[in-house]
Amino acid sequence: MAAPMDVREGFSYYTGVSPALTSYQVSIEQRRVFVVLNGVANSASHDPWELLYRDSTFTASRAPMLRSLIDSIEGPSANPFLDYESWIERFDLTPEMAGRDQDPDGDGAPSGVEFLLGLDPTRADVREGFAIERSPGGHSVLSYREARNRTGSILAVEISTASGIWSPFEPDPAAVTSEALEDYERISVDLSRLNLDPTAMFRFVSRAAPPQSPAAVAE
């Protein structure tokens, strides 16, 4: 099975000026599709690379609508931190499906966790957020990501064995590496360096962030 294609490949991006819009089509893997993505980092109105428009064709009559759509993308937010309520509003979910414990896309991860992993609660994309992979050296590696600039809650990793009791996963720092990417940090834990029960399982949960001290708030 071919690896999923990054939809950003093959497109040009424009900063500060709308491109000349004419009757146009873009071919991707023998399929034709026209898309508009948000390419503004830390946009106050949209997520990074959020898909704003997608259709198999584009005609010049749609140019005014698309220009208006592009103009609606706001620049970087004055407040770089994003809380859950502001994030979930972007996905047009019903109040019943917008809670932190809901799973509108049915991928097994509640929206409160997807918020912290930087995922889309309307798309079954949980495997992009965390997985147990095999390293080139043959080691088992727990790999997950943490979205930048989230506030109000924190991501917690828990471990359990056949007993079914969950406890905080606190690996030896020597087994942990991290990679800073544009929108999130990629965390990798070399499980082969830890003395783990073969039946160990992992889960990711959303916890309320500890309150800041008055001194930290003042800063």
N, C-alpha and C. Protein backbone atom coordinates (compact mmCIF):
# COMPACT_ATOMS: atom_id res chain seq x y z
N MET A 1 0.85 -1.19 0.00
CA MET A 1 0.00 0.00 0.00
C MET A 1 0.88 1.24 0.00
N ALA A 2 0.61 2.15 -0.91
CA ALA A 2 1.44 3.34 -1.03
C ALA A 2 1.26 4.24 0.18
N ALA A 3 2.33 4.94 0.54
CA ALA A 3 2.26 5.87 1.66
C ALA A 3 1.33 7.02 1.30
N PRO A 4 0.55 7.55 2.26
CA PRO A 4 -0.35 8.67 1.96
C PRO A 4 0.43 9.88 1.49
N MET A 5 -0.11 10.58 0.53
CA MET A 5 0.58 11.73 -0.06
C MET A 5 0.31 12.98 0.76
N ASP A 6 1.31 13.79 0.97
CA ASP A 6 1.15 15.08 1.62
C ASP A 6 0.47 16.00 0.62
N VAL A 7 -0.73 16.49 0.96
CA VAL A 7 -1.49 17.29 -0.01
C VAL A 7 -0.82 18.60 -0.34
N ARG A 8 0.21 18.98 0.45
CA ARG A 8 0.90 20.24 0.15
C ARG A 8 1.87 20.10 -1.01
N GLU A 9 2.27 18.86 -1.34
CA GLU A 9 3.24 18.66 -2.40
C GLU A 9 2.65 19.09 -3.75
N GLY A 10 3.45 19.79 -4.52
CA GLY A 10 3.04 20.15 -5.87
C GLY A 10 2.29 21.46 -5.95
N PHE A 11 2.11 22.16 -4.84
CA PHE A 11 1.38 23.42 -4.88
C PHE A 11 2.32 24.58 -4.58
N SER A 12 1.96 25.73 -5.12
CA SER A 12 2.69 26.95 -4.82
C SER A 12 1.86 27.77 -3.83
N TYR A 13 2.52 28.50 -2.95
CA TYR A 13 1.83 29.29 -1.95
C TYR A 13 2.14 30.76 -2.17
N TYR A 14 1.18 31.60 -1.84
CA TYR A 14 1.30 33.02 -2.06
C TYR A 14 1.15 33.72 -0.72
N THR A 15 2.00 34.69 -0.47
CA THR A 15 1.96 35.42 0.80
C THR A 15 1.64 36.89 0.54
N GLY A 16 0.54 37.35 1.10
CA GLY A 16 0.21 38.76 1.03
C GLY A 16 -0.48 39.20 -0.25
N VAL A 17 -0.65 38.34 -1.21
CA VAL A 17 -1.32 38.71 -2.45
C VAL A 17 -2.02 37.49 -3.01
N SER A 18 -3.25 37.68 -3.51
CA SER A 18 -3.98 36.56 -4.10
C SER A 18 -3.43 36.26 -5.48
N PRO A 19 -3.32 34.98 -5.85
CA PRO A 19 -2.84 34.64 -7.19
C PRO A 19 -3.89 35.00 -8.23
N ALA A 20 -3.47 35.14 -9.47
CA ALA A 20 -4.40 35.35 -10.57
C ALA A 20 -5.21 34.07 -10.74
N LEU A 21 -6.53 34.15 -10.59
CA LEU A 21 -7.39 32.97 -10.63
C LEU A 21 -8.03 32.86 -12.00
N THR A 22 -7.79 31.77 -12.66
CA THR A 22 -8.40 31.50 -13.95
C THR A 22 -8.93 30.07 -13.94
N SER A 23 -9.54 29.64 -15.03
CA SER A 23 -9.99 28.26 -15.11
C SER A 23 -8.77 27.36 -15.03
N TYR A 24 -8.72 26.47 -14.03
CA TYR A 24 -7.46 25.82 -13.69
C TYR A 24 -7.72 24.48 -13.03
N GLN A 25 -6.84 23.52 -13.29
CA GLN A 25 -6.92 22.22 -12.64
C GLN A 25 -5.52 21.76 -12.28
N VAL A 26 -5.40 21.02 -11.18
CA VAL A 26 -4.12 20.47 -10.74
C VAL A 26 -4.25 18.96 -10.71
N SER A 27 -3.29 18.27 -11.28
CA SER A 27 -3.35 16.81 -11.33
C SER A 27 -2.51 16.22 -10.21
N ILE A 28 -3.10 15.33 -9.41
CA ILE A 28 -2.38 14.61 -8.37
C ILE A 28 -2.67 13.13 -8.53
N GLU A 29 -1.64 12.36 -8.84
CA GLU A 29 -1.78 10.91 -8.97
C GLU A 29 -2.98 10.53 -9.84
N GLN A 30 -3.06 11.16 -11.01
CA GLN A 30 -4.08 10.88 -12.02
C GLN A 30 -5.47 11.30 -11.58
N ARG A 31 -5.58 12.06 -10.49
CA ARG A 31 -6.86 12.61 -10.08
C ARG A 31 -6.74 14.13 -10.13
N ARG A 32 -7.81 14.79 -10.51
CA ARG A 32 -7.77 16.24 -10.61
C ARG A 32 -8.52 16.84 -9.43
N VAL A 33 -7.86 17.81 -8.78
CA VAL A 33 -8.46 18.41 -7.60
C VAL A 33 -7.92 19.83 -7.45
N PHE A 34 -8.77 20.74 -7.02
CA PHE A 34 -8.38 22.11 -6.75
C PHE A 34 -8.64 22.36 -5.27
N VAL A 35 -7.61 22.81 -4.54
CA VAL A 35 -7.76 23.02 -3.10
C VAL A 35 -7.24 24.38 -2.70
N VAL A 36 -7.76 24.86 -1.57
CA VAL A 36 -7.23 26.06 -0.91
C VAL A 36 -6.86 25.64 0.50
N LEU A 37 -5.59 25.86 0.88
CA LEU A 37 -5.10 25.52 2.21
C LEU A 37 -4.64 26.78 2.92
N ASN A 38 -4.74 26.77 4.24
CA ASN A 38 -4.19 27.86 5.02
C ASN A 38 -2.69 27.64 5.22
N GLY A 39 -1.89 28.52 4.67
CA GLY A 39 -0.44 28.42 4.81
C GLY A 39 0.13 29.42 5.79
N VAL A 40 -0.74 30.10 6.58
CA VAL A 40 -0.28 31.10 7.54
C VAL A 40 0.02 30.42 8.87
N ALA A 41 1.26 30.48 9.31
CA ALA A 41 1.64 29.88 10.59
C ALA A 41 0.98 30.63 11.74
N ASN A 42 0.42 29.89 12.69
CA ASN A 42 -0.21 30.49 13.88
C ASN A 42 -1.30 31.48 13.49
N SER A 43 -2.10 31.13 12.47
CA SER A 43 -3.21 31.98 12.06
C SER A 43 -4.21 32.11 13.20
N ALA A 44 -4.78 33.32 13.35
CA ALA A 44 -5.78 33.54 14.39
C ALA A 44 -7.12 32.94 14.03
N SER A 45 -7.31 32.55 12.76
CA SER A 45 -8.63 32.06 12.34
C SER A 45 -8.64 30.61 11.88
N HIS A 46 -7.48 30.05 11.51
CA HIS A 46 -7.46 28.70 10.94
C HIS A 46 -6.24 27.93 11.43
N ASP A 47 -6.36 26.59 11.42
CA ASP A 47 -5.24 25.73 11.79
C ASP A 47 -4.19 25.71 10.68
N PRO A 48 -2.93 25.40 11.01
CA PRO A 48 -1.90 25.28 9.97
C PRO A 48 -2.28 24.23 8.93
N TRP A 49 -2.20 24.61 7.66
CA TRP A 49 -2.51 23.75 6.53
C TRP A 49 -3.95 23.21 6.57
N GLU A 50 -4.85 23.98 7.21
CA GLU A 50 -6.26 23.58 7.23
C GLU A 50 -6.82 23.61 5.81
N LEU A 51 -7.56 22.57 5.42
CA LEU A 51 -8.18 22.49 4.10
C LEU A 51 -9.43 23.35 4.10
N LEU A 52 -9.43 24.44 3.32
CA LEU A 52 -10.55 25.37 3.30
C LEU A 52 -11.50 25.14 2.14
N TYR A 53 -10.97 24.58 1.06
CA TYR A 53 -11.81 24.35 -0.12
C TYR A 53 -11.23 23.21 -0.92
N ARG A 54 -12.11 22.35 -1.42
CA ARG A 54 -11.65 21.22 -2.25
C ARG A 54 -12.73 20.89 -3.25
N ASP A 55 -12.35 20.79 -4.51
CA ASP A 55 -13.29 20.42 -5.56
C ASP A 55 -12.51 19.81 -6.71
N SER A 56 -13.21 19.04 -7.53
CA SER A 56 -12.53 18.38 -8.65
C SER A 56 -12.27 19.34 -9.80
N THR A 57 -12.97 20.45 -9.85
CA THR A 57 -12.77 21.43 -10.92
C THR A 57 -12.83 22.83 -10.35
N PHE A 58 -12.35 23.77 -11.14
CA PHE A 58 -12.44 25.18 -10.75
C PHE A 58 -12.73 26.01 -11.99
N THR A 59 -13.71 26.89 -11.91
CA THR A 59 -14.04 27.78 -13.01
C THR A 59 -13.86 29.22 -12.57
N ALA A 60 -13.66 30.10 -13.54
CA ALA A 60 -13.40 31.51 -13.24
C ALA A 60 -14.54 32.15 -12.47
N SER A 61 -15.77 31.64 -12.62
CA SER A 61 -16.91 32.23 -11.92
C SER A 61 -16.79 32.08 -10.40
N ARG A 62 -15.95 31.17 -9.96
CA ARG A 62 -15.78 30.97 -8.52
C ARG A 62 -14.67 31.84 -7.95
N ALA A 63 -14.00 32.60 -8.79
CA ALA A 63 -12.88 33.40 -8.33
C ALA A 63 -13.25 34.37 -7.21
N PRO A 64 -14.37 35.12 -7.30
CA PRO A 64 -14.70 36.05 -6.20
C PRO A 64 -14.89 35.32 -4.87
N MET A 65 -15.54 34.16 -4.92
CA MET A 65 -15.77 33.41 -3.69
C MET A 65 -14.46 32.95 -3.08
N LEU A 66 -13.54 32.49 -3.93
CA LEU A 66 -12.26 32.00 -3.43
C LEU A 66 -11.38 33.14 -2.93
N ARG A 67 -11.44 34.28 -3.61
CA ARG A 67 -10.68 35.44 -3.12
C ARG A 67 -11.18 35.84 -1.73
N SER A 68 -12.52 35.82 -1.55
CA SER A 68 -13.10 36.15 -0.25
C SER A 68 -12.66 35.14 0.80
N LEU A 69 -12.60 33.87 0.41
CA LEU A 69 -12.18 32.82 1.33
C LEU A 69 -10.73 33.03 1.75
N ILE A 70 -9.87 33.32 0.77
CA ILE A 70 -8.45 33.56 1.07
C ILE A 70 -8.29 34.80 1.95
N ASP A 71 -9.07 35.85 1.67
CA ASP A 71 -8.97 37.07 2.47
C ASP A 71 -9.46 36.87 3.89
N SER A 72 -10.27 35.82 4.12
CA SER A 72 -10.79 35.58 5.47
C SER A 72 -9.74 34.98 6.40
N ILE A 73 -8.62 34.51 5.83
CA ILE A 73 -7.56 33.93 6.65
C ILE A 73 -6.84 35.06 7.39
N GLU A 74 -6.90 35.01 8.69
CA GLU A 74 -6.27 36.05 9.50
C GLU A 74 -4.80 35.73 9.74
N GLY A 75 -4.04 36.75 9.99
CA GLY A 75 -2.62 36.59 10.25
C GLY A 75 -2.36 35.98 11.62
N PRO A 76 -1.09 35.95 12.02
CA PRO A 76 -0.73 35.37 13.31
C PRO A 76 -1.48 36.02 14.46
N SER A 77 -1.94 35.19 15.39
CA SER A 77 -2.68 35.68 16.54
C SER A 77 -1.77 36.47 17.48
N ALA A 78 -2.33 37.52 18.08
CA ALA A 78 -1.58 38.27 19.08
C ALA A 78 -1.33 37.41 20.31
N ASN A 79 -2.27 36.49 20.57
CA ASN A 79 -2.10 35.53 21.66
C ASN A 79 -1.70 34.20 21.04
N PRO A 80 -0.46 33.76 21.21
CA PRO A 80 -0.01 32.55 20.53
C PRO A 80 -0.60 31.28 21.12
N PHE A 81 -1.31 31.37 22.26
CA PHE A 81 -1.82 30.17 22.91
C PHE A 81 -3.26 29.90 22.49
N LEU A 82 -3.58 28.64 22.32
CA LEU A 82 -4.90 28.22 21.86
C LEU A 82 -5.54 27.33 22.90
N ASP A 83 -6.76 27.68 23.34
CA ASP A 83 -7.45 26.83 24.30
C ASP A 83 -8.41 25.89 23.57
N TYR A 84 -8.91 24.90 24.30
CA TYR A 84 -9.74 23.87 23.67
C TYR A 84 -11.01 24.46 23.05
N GLU A 85 -11.67 25.35 23.75
CA GLU A 85 -12.93 25.90 23.27
C GLU A 85 -12.75 26.64 21.94
N SER A 86 -11.69 27.43 21.83
CA SER A 86 -11.44 28.15 20.57
C SER A 86 -11.08 27.18 19.46
N TRP A 87 -10.37 26.13 19.78
CA TRP A 87 -9.96 25.13 18.78
C TRP A 87 -11.15 24.35 18.26
N ILE A 88 -12.01 23.85 19.14
CA ILE A 88 -13.10 22.99 18.71
C ILE A 88 -14.15 23.75 17.91
N GLU A 89 -14.26 25.06 18.10
CA GLU A 89 -15.22 25.87 17.35
C GLU A 89 -14.92 25.87 15.86
N ARG A 90 -13.68 25.57 15.49
CA ARG A 90 -13.30 25.62 14.08
C ARG A 90 -13.89 24.47 13.27
N PHE A 91 -14.42 23.45 13.94
CA PHE A 91 -14.80 22.23 13.23
C PHE A 91 -16.31 22.06 13.05
N ASP A 92 -17.10 23.07 13.42
CA ASP A 92 -18.54 23.07 13.15
C ASP A 92 -19.23 21.80 13.64
N LEU A 93 -18.94 21.42 14.87
CA LEU A 93 -19.58 20.25 15.47
C LEU A 93 -20.79 20.68 16.29
N THR A 94 -21.74 19.77 16.47
CA THR A 94 -22.88 20.05 17.34
C THR A 94 -22.40 20.12 18.78
N PRO A 95 -23.12 20.83 19.64
CA PRO A 95 -22.70 20.90 21.05
C PRO A 95 -22.54 19.53 21.69
N GLU A 96 -23.37 18.57 21.28
CA GLU A 96 -23.30 17.23 21.84
C GLU A 96 -22.00 16.52 21.47
N MET A 97 -21.41 16.88 20.33
CA MET A 97 -20.20 16.21 19.85
C MET A 97 -18.94 17.04 20.06
N ALA A 98 -19.07 18.20 20.71
CA ALA A 98 -17.92 19.10 20.85
C ALA A 98 -17.20 18.96 22.18
N GLY A 99 -17.64 18.05 23.04
CA GLY A 99 -17.00 17.89 24.34
C GLY A 99 -15.64 17.24 24.26
N ARG A 100 -14.84 17.44 25.28
CA ARG A 100 -13.49 16.89 25.32
C ARG A 100 -13.49 15.36 25.27
N ASP A 101 -14.52 14.73 25.83
CA ASP A 101 -14.56 13.27 25.91
C ASP A 101 -15.24 12.63 24.70
N GLN A 102 -15.74 13.44 23.79
CA GLN A 102 -16.39 12.90 22.60
C GLN A 102 -15.36 12.49 21.54
N ASP A 103 -15.79 11.61 20.65
CA ASP A 103 -14.91 11.11 19.58
C ASP A 103 -15.68 11.16 18.26
N PRO A 104 -15.91 12.37 17.72
CA PRO A 104 -16.77 12.50 16.53
C PRO A 104 -16.26 11.77 15.29
N ASP A 105 -14.95 11.56 15.16
CA ASP A 105 -14.43 10.86 13.99
C ASP A 105 -14.30 9.36 14.20
N GLY A 106 -14.57 8.87 15.43
CA GLY A 106 -14.58 7.44 15.69
C GLY A 106 -13.24 6.75 15.58
N ASP A 107 -12.13 7.49 15.77
CA ASP A 107 -10.81 6.86 15.63
C ASP A 107 -10.24 6.39 16.97
N GLY A 108 -11.02 6.50 18.04
CA GLY A 108 -10.58 6.00 19.33
C GLY A 108 -9.94 7.03 20.24
N ALA A 109 -9.65 8.22 19.73
CA ALA A 109 -9.03 9.28 20.54
C ALA A 109 -10.06 10.37 20.80
N PRO A 110 -10.36 10.69 22.06
CA PRO A 110 -11.31 11.77 22.34
C PRO A 110 -10.76 13.11 21.89
N SER A 111 -11.65 14.04 21.65
CA SER A 111 -11.24 15.33 21.11
C SER A 111 -10.27 16.07 22.03
N GLY A 112 -10.39 15.87 23.34
CA GLY A 112 -9.45 16.53 24.24
C GLY A 112 -8.02 16.10 24.01
N VAL A 113 -7.83 14.83 23.62
CA VAL A 113 -6.49 14.32 23.30
C VAL A 113 -6.07 14.80 21.91
N GLU A 114 -6.99 14.79 20.96
CA GLU A 114 -6.65 15.24 19.60
C GLU A 114 -6.23 16.70 19.61
N PHE A 115 -6.83 17.51 20.48
CA PHE A 115 -6.43 18.91 20.64
C PHE A 115 -4.96 19.02 21.00
N LEU A 116 -4.50 18.17 21.92
CA LEU A 116 -3.12 18.24 22.39
C LEU A 116 -2.15 17.59 21.41
N LEU A 117 -2.63 16.64 20.61
CA LEU A 117 -1.78 16.00 19.61
C LEU A 117 -1.72 16.80 18.31
N GLY A 118 -2.58 17.80 18.18
CA GLY A 118 -2.61 18.59 16.95
C GLY A 118 -3.29 17.86 15.81
N LEU A 119 -4.36 17.09 16.10
CA LEU A 119 -5.07 16.32 15.09
C LEU A 119 -6.38 17.01 14.73
N ASP A 120 -7.16 16.37 13.87
CA ASP A 120 -8.45 16.88 13.41
C ASP A 120 -9.54 15.99 13.98
N PRO A 121 -10.43 16.51 14.84
CA PRO A 121 -11.45 15.67 15.47
C PRO A 121 -12.54 15.19 14.51
N THR A 122 -12.51 15.68 13.28
CA THR A 122 -13.51 15.23 12.30
C THR A 122 -12.91 14.27 11.28
N ARG A 123 -11.65 13.92 11.45
CA ARG A 123 -10.97 13.02 10.51
C ARG A 123 -10.24 11.93 11.29
N ALA A 124 -10.41 10.68 10.91
CA ALA A 124 -9.79 9.56 11.63
C ALA A 124 -8.29 9.54 11.35
N ASP A 125 -7.55 10.37 12.09
CA ASP A 125 -6.12 10.54 11.82
C ASP A 125 -5.26 10.23 13.04
N VAL A 126 -5.80 9.40 13.96
CA VAL A 126 -5.08 9.18 15.22
C VAL A 126 -3.69 8.58 15.01
N ARG A 127 -3.50 7.79 13.95
CA ARG A 127 -2.18 7.18 13.71
C ARG A 127 -1.12 8.22 13.35
N GLU A 128 -1.55 9.42 12.97
CA GLU A 128 -0.58 10.49 12.75
C GLU A 128 -0.09 11.07 14.07
N GLY A 129 -0.85 10.83 15.14
CA GLY A 129 -0.51 11.42 16.44
C GLY A 129 0.39 10.55 17.28
N PHE A 130 0.19 9.23 17.24
CA PHE A 130 1.05 8.34 18.02
C PHE A 130 1.02 6.93 17.44
N ALA A 131 2.10 6.21 17.66
CA ALA A 131 2.21 4.84 17.15
C ALA A 131 3.43 4.19 17.79
N ILE A 132 3.43 2.86 17.80
CA ILE A 132 4.63 2.11 18.17
C ILE A 132 5.25 1.62 16.87
N GLU A 133 6.47 2.07 16.61
CA GLU A 133 7.14 1.83 15.34
C GLU A 133 8.41 1.00 15.56
N ARG A 134 8.97 0.54 14.46
CA ARG A 134 10.22 -0.21 14.50
C ARG A 134 11.33 0.68 13.96
N SER A 135 12.36 0.89 14.77
CA SER A 135 13.47 1.74 14.35
C SER A 135 14.35 1.00 13.34
N PRO A 136 15.22 1.73 12.60
CA PRO A 136 16.13 1.05 11.67
C PRO A 136 16.99 -0.02 12.34
N GLY A 137 17.25 0.16 13.64
CA GLY A 137 18.05 -0.83 14.36
C GLY A 137 17.24 -1.98 14.91
N GLY A 138 15.95 -1.99 14.62
CA GLY A 138 15.10 -3.08 15.07
C GLY A 138 14.48 -2.89 16.43
N HIS A 139 14.61 -1.70 17.02
CA HIS A 139 14.05 -1.43 18.34
C HIS A 139 12.59 -0.98 18.23
N SER A 140 11.79 -1.31 19.23
CA SER A 140 10.42 -0.81 19.30
C SER A 140 10.46 0.60 19.88
N VAL A 141 9.78 1.53 19.21
CA VAL A 141 9.82 2.93 19.61
C VAL A 141 8.39 3.45 19.73
N LEU A 142 8.05 4.02 20.88
CA LEU A 142 6.79 4.73 21.05
C LEU A 142 7.00 6.15 20.56
N SER A 143 6.27 6.52 19.52
CA SER A 143 6.43 7.84 18.91
C SER A 143 5.10 8.59 18.99
N TYR A 144 5.16 9.81 19.48
CA TYR A 144 3.95 10.63 19.54
C TYR A 144 4.34 12.10 19.42
N ARG A 145 3.35 12.93 19.23
CA ARG A 145 3.65 14.34 19.07
C ARG A 145 2.82 15.19 20.05
N GLU A 146 3.33 16.38 20.34
CA GLU A 146 2.63 17.33 21.19
C GLU A 146 2.54 18.65 20.44
N ALA A 147 1.30 19.11 20.24
CA ALA A 147 1.09 20.36 19.52
C ALA A 147 1.64 21.54 20.32
N ARG A 148 2.11 22.55 19.61
CA ARG A 148 2.65 23.72 20.27
C ARG A 148 1.52 24.67 20.71
N ASN A 149 1.83 25.48 21.70
CA ASN A 149 0.99 26.62 22.10
C ASN A 149 -0.42 26.23 22.52
N ARG A 150 -0.58 25.08 23.16
CA ARG A 150 -1.88 24.71 23.73
C ARG A 150 -1.94 25.18 25.18
N THR A 151 -3.12 25.58 25.62
CA THR A 151 -3.27 26.04 26.99
C THR A 151 -4.53 25.45 27.61
N GLY A 152 -4.53 25.35 28.93
CA GLY A 152 -5.70 24.84 29.65
C GLY A 152 -5.65 23.37 29.98
N SER A 153 -4.86 22.60 29.24
CA SER A 153 -4.73 21.16 29.51
C SER A 153 -3.37 20.68 29.03
N ILE A 154 -2.96 19.53 29.53
CA ILE A 154 -1.67 18.95 29.17
C ILE A 154 -1.86 17.49 28.78
N LEU A 155 -0.95 16.99 27.97
CA LEU A 155 -0.99 15.61 27.51
C LEU A 155 -0.27 14.72 28.52
N ALA A 156 -0.92 13.64 28.92
CA ALA A 156 -0.31 12.67 29.84
C ALA A 156 -0.28 11.31 29.17
N VAL A 157 0.84 10.60 29.31
CA VAL A 157 0.98 9.24 28.79
C VAL A 157 0.90 8.29 29.97
N GLU A 158 0.07 7.26 29.85
CA GLU A 158 -0.09 6.28 30.91
C GLU A 158 0.23 4.89 30.40
N ILE A 159 0.63 4.00 31.31
CA ILE A 159 1.01 2.64 30.95
C ILE A 159 0.22 1.67 31.83
N SER A 160 -0.11 0.51 31.26
CA SER A 160 -0.83 -0.53 31.99
C SER A 160 -0.34 -1.89 31.52
N THR A 161 -0.52 -2.88 32.37
CA THR A 161 -0.21 -4.26 32.01
C THR A 161 -1.50 -5.07 32.08
N ALA A 162 -1.36 -6.36 32.13
CA ALA A 162 -2.55 -7.22 32.15
C ALA A 162 -3.42 -6.97 33.37
N SER A 163 -2.88 -6.35 34.41
CA SER A 163 -3.66 -6.06 35.61
C SER A 163 -4.76 -5.05 35.35
N GLY A 164 -4.60 -4.26 34.27
CA GLY A 164 -5.61 -3.26 33.92
C GLY A 164 -5.51 -1.97 34.71
N ILE A 165 -4.47 -1.84 35.53
CA ILE A 165 -4.28 -0.62 36.31
C ILE A 165 -3.38 0.35 35.55
N TRP A 166 -3.87 1.57 35.34
CA TRP A 166 -3.11 2.57 34.60
C TRP A 166 -2.32 3.45 35.56
N SER A 167 -1.10 3.77 35.18
CA SER A 167 -0.25 4.64 35.98
C SER A 167 0.56 5.53 35.04
N PRO A 168 1.09 6.66 35.54
CA PRO A 168 1.89 7.55 34.68
C PRO A 168 3.09 6.83 34.08
N PHE A 169 3.33 7.08 32.80
CA PHE A 169 4.48 6.52 32.12
C PHE A 169 5.63 7.51 32.26
N GLU A 170 6.65 7.11 33.02
CA GLU A 170 7.78 7.99 33.30
C GLU A 170 9.07 7.28 32.89
N PRO A 171 9.41 7.27 31.60
CA PRO A 171 10.59 6.53 31.13
C PRO A 171 11.89 7.20 31.54
N ASP A 172 12.94 6.43 31.51
CA ASP A 172 14.28 6.95 31.76
C ASP A 172 14.58 8.02 30.70
N PRO A 173 14.96 9.24 31.11
CA PRO A 173 15.25 10.29 30.12
C PRO A 173 16.26 9.87 29.06
N ALA A 174 17.13 8.92 29.37
CA ALA A 174 18.12 8.47 28.39
C ALA A 174 17.48 7.76 27.22
N ALA A 175 16.23 7.29 27.39
CA ALA A 175 15.55 6.56 26.32
C ALA A 175 14.66 7.49 25.48
N VAL A 176 14.64 8.76 25.83
CA VAL A 176 13.72 9.71 25.20
C VAL A 176 14.48 10.70 24.32
N THR A 177 13.99 10.90 23.11
CA THR A 177 14.52 11.93 22.22
C THR A 177 13.35 12.77 21.72
N SER A 178 13.63 13.98 21.30
CA SER A 178 12.58 14.85 20.78
C SER A 178 13.08 15.60 19.56
N GLU A 179 12.14 15.95 18.71
CA GLU A 179 12.46 16.70 17.48
C GLU A 179 11.47 17.84 17.35
N ALA A 180 11.96 19.06 17.30
CA ALA A 180 11.10 20.24 17.17
C ALA A 180 10.73 20.44 15.70
N LEU A 181 9.46 20.34 15.40
CA LEU A 181 8.96 20.58 14.05
C LEU A 181 8.16 21.88 14.03
N GLU A 182 7.59 22.21 12.89
CA GLU A 182 6.97 23.53 12.73
C GLU A 182 5.81 23.75 13.70
N ASP A 183 4.90 22.78 13.79
CA ASP A 183 3.67 22.97 14.56
C ASP A 183 3.59 22.11 15.81
N TYR A 184 4.52 21.22 15.99
CA TYR A 184 4.49 20.33 17.14
C TYR A 184 5.88 19.77 17.41
N GLU A 185 6.00 19.10 18.55
CA GLU A 185 7.25 18.43 18.91
C GLU A 185 7.03 16.92 18.83
N ARG A 186 7.92 16.22 18.16
CA ARG A 186 7.84 14.77 18.01
C ARG A 186 8.67 14.11 19.12
N ILE A 187 8.01 13.30 19.96
CA ILE A 187 8.67 12.62 21.07
C ILE A 187 8.83 11.14 20.70
N SER A 188 10.02 10.59 20.92
CA SER A 188 10.27 9.18 20.65
C SER A 188 10.87 8.53 21.90
N VAL A 189 10.32 7.38 22.28
CA VAL A 189 10.80 6.65 23.44
C VAL A 189 11.27 5.27 22.98
N ASP A 190 12.54 4.97 23.16
CA ASP A 190 13.10 3.67 22.78
C ASP A 190 12.70 2.65 23.85
N LEU A 191 11.68 1.86 23.56
CA LEU A 191 11.15 0.93 24.55
C LEU A 191 12.12 -0.20 24.85
N SER A 192 13.03 -0.49 23.92
CA SER A 192 13.98 -1.59 24.14
C SER A 192 14.96 -1.26 25.27
N ARG A 193 15.08 0.01 25.63
CA ARG A 193 15.99 0.42 26.69
C ARG A 193 15.33 0.42 28.06
N LEU A 194 14.05 0.04 28.09
CA LEU A 194 13.30 0.03 29.34
C LEU A 194 12.94 -1.39 29.72
N ASN A 195 12.89 -1.66 30.97
CA ASN A 195 12.52 -2.99 31.46
C ASN A 195 11.01 -3.07 31.63
N LEU A 196 10.32 -3.27 30.51
CA LEU A 196 8.86 -3.23 30.51
C LEU A 196 8.27 -4.64 30.47
N ASP A 197 7.09 -4.78 31.05
CA ASP A 197 6.34 -6.02 30.95
C ASP A 197 5.92 -6.20 29.49
N PRO A 198 6.07 -7.41 28.93
CA PRO A 198 5.70 -7.63 27.52
C PRO A 198 4.23 -7.32 27.23
N THR A 199 3.37 -7.32 28.26
CA THR A 199 1.95 -7.04 28.04
C THR A 199 1.62 -5.56 28.19
N ALA A 200 2.64 -4.71 28.32
CA ALA A 200 2.40 -3.29 28.56
C ALA A 200 1.60 -2.65 27.44
N MET A 201 0.68 -1.77 27.82
CA MET A 201 -0.12 -1.00 26.88
C MET A 201 0.00 0.48 27.26
N PHE A 202 -0.24 1.34 26.27
CA PHE A 202 -0.12 2.77 26.50
C PHE A 202 -1.43 3.46 26.10
N ARG A 203 -1.69 4.57 26.79
CA ARG A 203 -2.81 5.42 26.38
C ARG A 203 -2.45 6.88 26.63
N PHE A 204 -3.15 7.75 25.92
CA PHE A 204 -2.91 9.19 26.04
C PHE A 204 -4.18 9.83 26.58
N VAL A 205 -4.02 10.67 27.58
CA VAL A 205 -5.16 11.31 28.21
C VAL A 205 -4.90 12.81 28.34
N SER A 206 -5.98 13.55 28.43
CA SER A 206 -5.92 15.00 28.62
C SER A 206 -6.14 15.31 30.09
N ARG A 207 -5.22 16.06 30.67
CA ARG A 207 -5.33 16.47 32.06
C ARG A 207 -5.41 18.00 32.15
N ALA A 208 -6.13 18.48 33.16
CA ALA A 208 -6.18 19.93 33.37
C ALA A 208 -4.79 20.44 33.70
N ALA A 209 -4.41 21.54 33.08
CA ALA A 209 -3.09 22.12 33.34
C ALA A 209 -3.06 22.68 34.76
N PRO A 210 -1.96 22.52 35.47
CA PRO A 210 -1.86 23.08 36.82
C PRO A 210 -1.95 24.59 36.76
N PRO A 211 -2.58 25.21 37.76
CA PRO A 211 -2.70 26.68 37.76
C PRO A 211 -1.34 27.33 37.85
N GLN A 212 -1.21 28.47 37.16
CA GLN A 212 0.05 29.21 37.22
C GLN A 212 0.14 29.99 38.52
N SER A 213 1.35 30.16 39.00
CA SER A 213 1.56 30.97 40.19
C SER A 213 1.37 32.45 39.83
N PRO A 214 1.00 33.29 40.79
CA PRO A 214 0.86 34.74 40.49
C PRO A 214 2.09 35.33 39.85
N ALA A 215 3.28 34.86 40.26
CA ALA A 215 4.51 35.41 39.67
C ALA A 215 4.62 35.05 38.21
N ALA A 216 4.22 33.80 37.86
CA ALA A 216 4.30 33.38 36.45
C ALA A 216 3.30 34.15 35.62
N VAL A 217 2.10 34.40 36.15
CA VAL A 217 1.08 35.14 35.41
C VAL A 217 1.56 36.56 35.18
N ALA A 218 2.18 37.16 36.18
CA ALA A 218 2.66 38.54 36.07
C ALA A 218 3.70 38.68 34.98
N GLU A 219 4.50 37.65 34.79
CA GLU A 219 5.53 37.69 33.75
C GLU A 219 4.93 37.71 32.38
